[in-house]
PDB file of all heavy atoms in Angstrom:
ATOM      1  N   VAL A   1     -29.762  61.869  87.129  1.00  0.00           N
ATOM      2  CA  VAL A   1     -31.093  62.060  87.757  1.00  0.00           C
ATOM      3  C   VAL A   1     -30.875  63.210  88.702  1.00  0.00           C
ATOM      4  O   VAL A   1     -29.949  63.221  89.500  1.00  0.00           O
ATOM      5  CB  VAL A   1     -31.531  60.800  88.500  1.00  0.00           C
ATOM      6  CG1 VAL A   1     -32.820  61.053  89.220  1.00  0.00           C
ATOM      7  CG2 VAL A   1     -31.644  59.600  87.535  1.00  0.00           C
ATOM      8  N   ARG A   2     -31.779  64.228  88.611  1.00  0.00           N
ATOM      9  CA  ARG A   2     -31.684  65.378  89.475  1.00  0.00           C
ATOM     10  C   ARG A   2     -32.766  65.354  90.541  1.00  0.00           C
ATOM     11  O   ARG A   2     -33.908  64.953  90.247  1.00  0.00           O
ATOM     12  CB  ARG A   2     -31.802  66.636  88.635  1.00  0.00           C
ATOM     13  CG  ARG A   2     -30.700  66.799  87.623  1.00  0.00           C
ATOM     14  CD  ARG A   2     -30.865  68.017  86.702  1.00  0.00           C
ATOM     15  NE  ARG A   2     -29.894  68.030  85.640  1.00  0.00           N
ATOM     16  CZ  ARG A   2     -29.882  68.844  84.622  1.00  0.00           C
ATOM     17  NH1 ARG A   2     -30.885  69.721  84.457  1.00  0.00           N
ATOM     18  NH2 ARG A   2     -28.939  68.788  83.661  1.00  0.00           N
ATOM     19  N   ARG A   3     -32.407  65.801  91.739  1.00  0.00           N
ATOM     20  CA  ARG A   3     -33.334  65.837  92.845  1.00  0.00           C
ATOM     21  C   ARG A   3     -33.716  67.304  93.125  1.00  0.00           C
ATOM     22  O   ARG A   3     -32.844  68.102  93.354  1.00  0.00           O
ATOM     23  CB  ARG A   3     -32.727  65.203  94.113  1.00  0.00           C
ATOM     24  CG  ARG A   3     -33.706  65.048  95.268  1.00  0.00           C
ATOM     25  CD  ARG A   3     -33.068  64.603  96.541  1.00  0.00           C
ATOM     26  NE  ARG A   3     -34.045  64.224  97.538  1.00  0.00           N
ATOM     27  CZ  ARG A   3     -33.887  64.388  98.837  1.00  0.00           C
ATOM     28  NH1 ARG A   3     -32.798  64.964  99.310  1.00  0.00           N
ATOM     29  NH2 ARG A   3     -34.860  63.985  99.709  1.00  0.00           N
ATOM     30  N   PHE A   4     -35.034  67.574  93.160  1.00  0.00           N
ATOM     31  CA  PHE A   4     -35.543  68.915  93.378  1.00  0.00           C
ATOM     32  C   PHE A   4     -36.381  68.916  94.655  1.00  0.00           C
ATOM     33  O   PHE A   4     -37.155  68.007  94.918  1.00  0.00           O
ATOM     34  CB  PHE A   4     -36.404  69.364  92.220  1.00  0.00           C
ATOM     35  CG  PHE A   4     -35.666  69.477  90.915  1.00  0.00           C
ATOM     36  CD1 PHE A   4     -35.616  68.407  90.016  1.00  0.00           C
ATOM     37  CD2 PHE A   4     -34.995  70.641  90.580  1.00  0.00           C
ATOM     38  CE1 PHE A   4     -34.934  68.516  88.812  1.00  0.00           C
ATOM     39  CE2 PHE A   4     -34.279  70.751  89.386  1.00  0.00           C
ATOM     40  CZ  PHE A   4     -34.243  69.703  88.492  1.00  0.00           C
ATOM     41  N   GLY A   5     -36.218  69.987  95.430  1.00  0.00           N
ATOM     42  CA  GLY A   5     -37.008  70.170  96.630  1.00  0.00           C
ATOM     43  C   GLY A   5     -38.423  70.532  96.274  1.00  0.00           C
ATOM     44  O   GLY A   5     -38.755  70.889  95.161  1.00  0.00           O
ATOM     45  N   PRO A   6     -39.374  70.446  97.252  1.00  0.00           N
ATOM     46  CA  PRO A   6     -40.764  70.870  97.005  1.00  0.00           C
ATOM     47  C   PRO A   6     -40.897  72.278  96.533  1.00  0.00           C
ATOM     48  O   PRO A   6     -41.934  72.666  95.910  1.00  0.00           O
ATOM     49  CB  PRO A   6     -41.415  70.635  98.376  1.00  0.00           C
ATOM     50  CG  PRO A   6     -40.567  69.653  99.072  1.00  0.00           C
ATOM     51  CD  PRO A   6     -39.182  69.885  98.592  1.00  0.00           C
ATOM     52  N   ASP A   7     -39.896  73.118  96.784  1.00  0.00           N
ATOM     53  CA  ASP A   7     -39.903  74.512  96.291  1.00  0.00           C
ATOM     54  C   ASP A   7     -39.289  74.639  94.885  1.00  0.00           C
ATOM     55  O   ASP A   7     -39.154  75.781  94.402  1.00  0.00           O
ATOM     56  CB  ASP A   7     -39.208  75.431  97.276  1.00  0.00           C
ATOM     57  CG  ASP A   7     -37.736  75.121  97.471  1.00  0.00           C
ATOM     58  OD1 ASP A   7     -37.272  74.074  96.881  1.00  0.00           O
ATOM     59  OD2 ASP A   7     -37.001  75.856  98.171  1.00  0.00           O
ATOM     60  N   GLY A   8     -38.874  73.522  94.303  1.00  0.00           N
ATOM     61  CA  GLY A   8     -38.263  73.588  92.974  1.00  0.00           C
ATOM     62  C   GLY A   8     -36.752  73.774  92.945  1.00  0.00           C
ATOM     63  O   GLY A   8     -36.165  73.811  91.879  1.00  0.00           O
ATOM     64  N   SER A   9     -36.104  73.911  94.112  1.00  0.00           N
ATOM     65  CA  SER A   9     -34.663  74.084  94.146  1.00  0.00           C
ATOM     66  C   SER A   9     -33.946  72.830  93.855  1.00  0.00           C
ATOM     67  O   SER A   9     -34.387  71.721  94.278  1.00  0.00           O
ATOM     68  CB  SER A   9     -34.240  74.603  95.527  1.00  0.00           C
ATOM     69  OG  SER A   9     -34.638  73.758  96.551  1.00  0.00           O
ATOM     70  N   LEU A  10     -32.862  72.862  93.115  1.00  0.00           N
ATOM     71  CA  LEU A  10     -32.036  71.716  92.822  1.00  0.00           C
ATOM     72  C   LEU A  10     -31.150  71.436  94.034  1.00  0.00           C
ATOM     73  O   LEU A  10     -30.319  72.268  94.406  1.00  0.00           O
ATOM     74  CB  LEU A  10     -31.154  71.991  91.551  1.00  0.00           C
ATOM     75  CG  LEU A  10     -30.212  70.852  91.169  1.00  0.00           C
ATOM     76  CD1 LEU A  10     -30.961  69.576  90.780  1.00  0.00           C
ATOM     77  CD2 LEU A  10     -29.353  71.329  89.965  1.00  0.00           C
ATOM     78  N   VAL A  11     -31.302  70.254  94.636  1.00  0.00           N
ATOM     79  CA  VAL A  11     -30.597  69.946  95.885  1.00  0.00           C
ATOM     80  C   VAL A  11     -29.659  68.720  95.773  1.00  0.00           C
ATOM     81  O   VAL A  11     -28.911  68.460  96.748  1.00  0.00           O
ATOM     82  CB  VAL A  11     -31.631  69.719  97.016  1.00  0.00           C
ATOM     83  CG1 VAL A  11     -32.424  70.991  97.293  1.00  0.00           C
ATOM     84  CG2 VAL A  11     -32.566  68.576  96.720  1.00  0.00           C
ATOM     85  N   GLY A  12     -29.682  68.036  94.692  1.00  0.00           N
ATOM     86  CA  GLY A  12     -28.817  66.886  94.591  1.00  0.00           C
ATOM     87  C   GLY A  12     -28.954  66.237  93.218  1.00  0.00           C
ATOM     88  O   GLY A  12     -29.850  66.598  92.405  1.00  0.00           O
ATOM     89  N   SER A  13     -28.135  65.223  92.947  1.00  0.00           N
ATOM     90  CA  SER A  13     -28.165  64.538  91.724  1.00  0.00           C
ATOM     91  C   SER A  13     -27.473  63.190  91.794  1.00  0.00           C
ATOM     92  O   SER A  13     -26.718  62.901  92.728  1.00  0.00           O
ATOM     93  CB  SER A  13     -27.530  65.360  90.560  1.00  0.00           C
ATOM     94  OG  SER A  13     -26.144  65.505  90.818  1.00  0.00           O
ATOM     95  N   VAL A  14     -27.747  62.342  90.803  1.00  0.00           N
ATOM     96  CA  VAL A  14     -27.062  61.082  90.636  1.00  0.00           C
ATOM     97  C   VAL A  14     -26.355  61.132  89.275  1.00  0.00           C
ATOM     98  O   VAL A  14     -26.989  61.420  88.239  1.00  0.00           O
ATOM     99  CB  VAL A  14     -28.041  59.878  90.677  1.00  0.00           C
ATOM    100  CG1 VAL A  14     -27.247  58.556  90.516  1.00  0.00           C
ATOM    101  CG2 VAL A  14     -28.856  59.838  91.927  1.00  0.00           C
ATOM    102  N   ALA A  15     -25.060  60.877  89.246  1.00  0.00           N
ATOM    103  CA  ALA A  15     -24.292  60.865  87.981  1.00  0.00           C
ATOM    104  C   ALA A  15     -24.275  59.457  87.387  1.00  0.00           C
ATOM    105  O   ALA A  15     -24.052  58.495  88.096  1.00  0.00           O
ATOM    106  CB  ALA A  15     -22.878  61.366  88.212  1.00  0.00           C
ATOM    107  N   LEU A  16     -24.563  59.355  86.096  1.00  0.00           N
ATOM    108  CA  LEU A  16     -24.552  58.097  85.380  1.00  0.00           C
ATOM    109  C   LEU A  16     -23.517  58.118  84.295  1.00  0.00           C
ATOM    110  O   LEU A  16     -23.164  59.178  83.808  1.00  0.00           O
ATOM    111  CB  LEU A  16     -25.933  57.835  84.720  1.00  0.00           C
ATOM    112  CG  LEU A  16     -27.126  57.388  85.622  1.00  0.00           C
ATOM    113  CD1 LEU A  16     -26.797  56.068  86.341  1.00  0.00           C
ATOM    114  CD2 LEU A  16     -27.594  58.443  86.571  1.00  0.00           C
ATOM    115  N   PRO A  17     -23.007  56.951  83.915  1.00  0.00           N
ATOM    116  CA  PRO A  17     -21.902  56.905  82.901  1.00  0.00           C
ATOM    117  C   PRO A  17     -22.408  56.872  81.489  1.00  0.00           C
ATOM    118  O   PRO A  17     -21.610  56.691  80.567  1.00  0.00           O
ATOM    119  CB  PRO A  17     -21.192  55.597  83.302  1.00  0.00           C
ATOM    120  CG  PRO A  17     -22.258  54.727  83.802  1.00  0.00           C
ATOM    121  CD  PRO A  17     -23.192  55.627  84.567  1.00  0.00           C
ATOM    122  N   THR A  18     -23.696  56.979  81.294  1.00  0.00           N
ATOM    123  CA  THR A  18     -24.276  56.967  79.925  1.00  0.00           C
ATOM    124  C   THR A  18     -25.334  58.079  79.830  1.00  0.00           C
ATOM    125  O   THR A  18     -25.952  58.434  80.838  1.00  0.00           O
ATOM    126  CB  THR A  18     -24.866  55.574  79.622  1.00  0.00           C
ATOM    127  OG1 THR A  18     -25.265  55.471  78.254  1.00  0.00           O
ATOM    128  CG2 THR A  18     -26.122  55.309  80.495  1.00  0.00           C
ATOM    129  N   PRO A  19     -25.534  58.687  78.652  1.00  0.00           N
ATOM    130  CA  PRO A  19     -26.316  59.897  78.617  1.00  0.00           C
ATOM    131  C   PRO A  19     -27.834  59.751  78.676  1.00  0.00           C
ATOM    132  O   PRO A  19     -28.545  60.587  79.255  1.00  0.00           O
ATOM    133  CB  PRO A  19     -25.922  60.528  77.292  1.00  0.00           C
ATOM    134  CG  PRO A  19     -25.465  59.415  76.437  1.00  0.00           C
ATOM    135  CD  PRO A  19     -24.795  58.436  77.368  1.00  0.00           C
ATOM    136  N   HIS A  20     -28.360  58.655  78.081  1.00  0.00           N
ATOM    137  CA  HIS A  20     -29.813  58.594  77.908  1.00  0.00           C
ATOM    138  C   HIS A  20     -30.456  57.884  79.063  1.00  0.00           C
ATOM    139  O   HIS A  20     -30.668  56.662  79.060  1.00  0.00           O
ATOM    140  CB  HIS A  20     -30.150  57.965  76.556  1.00  0.00           C
ATOM    141  CG  HIS A  20     -29.801  58.825  75.403  1.00  0.00           C
ATOM    142  ND1 HIS A  20     -29.832  58.409  74.103  1.00  0.00           N
ATOM    143  CD2 HIS A  20     -29.417  60.139  75.372  1.00  0.00           C
ATOM    144  CE1 HIS A  20     -29.474  59.423  73.308  1.00  0.00           C
ATOM    145  NE2 HIS A  20     -29.211  60.460  74.049  1.00  0.00           N
ATOM    146  N   ILE A  21     -30.779  58.652  80.099  1.00  0.00           N
ATOM    147  CA  ILE A  21     -31.374  58.167  81.349  1.00  0.00           C
ATOM    148  C   ILE A  21     -32.869  58.396  81.265  1.00  0.00           C
ATOM    149  O   ILE A  21     -33.338  59.481  80.913  1.00  0.00           O
ATOM    150  CB  ILE A  21     -30.774  58.904  82.550  1.00  0.00           C
ATOM    151  CG1 ILE A  21     -29.231  58.837  82.468  1.00  0.00           C
ATOM    152  CG2 ILE A  21     -31.301  58.369  83.845  1.00  0.00           C
ATOM    153  CD1 ILE A  21     -28.686  57.456  82.412  1.00  0.00           C
ATOM    154  N   THR A  22     -33.636  57.355  81.606  1.00  0.00           N
ATOM    155  CA  THR A  22     -35.065  57.367  81.315  1.00  0.00           C
ATOM    156  C   THR A  22     -35.975  57.475  82.520  1.00  0.00           C
ATOM    157  O   THR A  22     -36.963  58.203  82.500  1.00  0.00           O
ATOM    158  CB  THR A  22     -35.470  56.156  80.457  1.00  0.00           C
ATOM    159  OG1 THR A  22     -35.078  54.965  81.166  1.00  0.00           O
ATOM    160  CG2 THR A  22     -34.816  56.185  79.077  1.00  0.00           C
ATOM    161  N   CYS A  23     -35.686  56.722  83.616  1.00  0.00           N
ATOM    162  CA  CYS A  23     -36.625  56.805  84.751  1.00  0.00           C
ATOM    163  C   CYS A  23     -35.957  56.225  86.025  1.00  0.00           C
ATOM    164  O   CYS A  23     -35.322  55.199  85.973  1.00  0.00           O
ATOM    165  CB  CYS A  23     -37.873  56.005  84.427  1.00  0.00           C
ATOM    166  SG  CYS A  23     -39.277  56.369  85.550  1.00  0.00           S
ATOM    167  N   PRO A  24     -36.206  56.851  87.168  1.00  0.00           N
ATOM    168  CA  PRO A  24     -35.817  56.326  88.445  1.00  0.00           C
ATOM    169  C   PRO A  24     -36.995  55.716  89.204  1.00  0.00           C
ATOM    170  O   PRO A  24     -38.151  56.084  88.972  1.00  0.00           O
ATOM    171  CB  PRO A  24     -35.298  57.570  89.189  1.00  0.00           C
ATOM    172  CG  PRO A  24     -36.204  58.670  88.704  1.00  0.00           C
ATOM    173  CD  PRO A  24     -36.610  58.282  87.321  1.00  0.00           C
TER     174      PRO A  24
END
């Protein structure tokens, strides 16, 4: 899961152990 700032910049993420991530 990737976290984007209001300006669209990538500022963080959550790493998961499986590839098909659907919704936070």
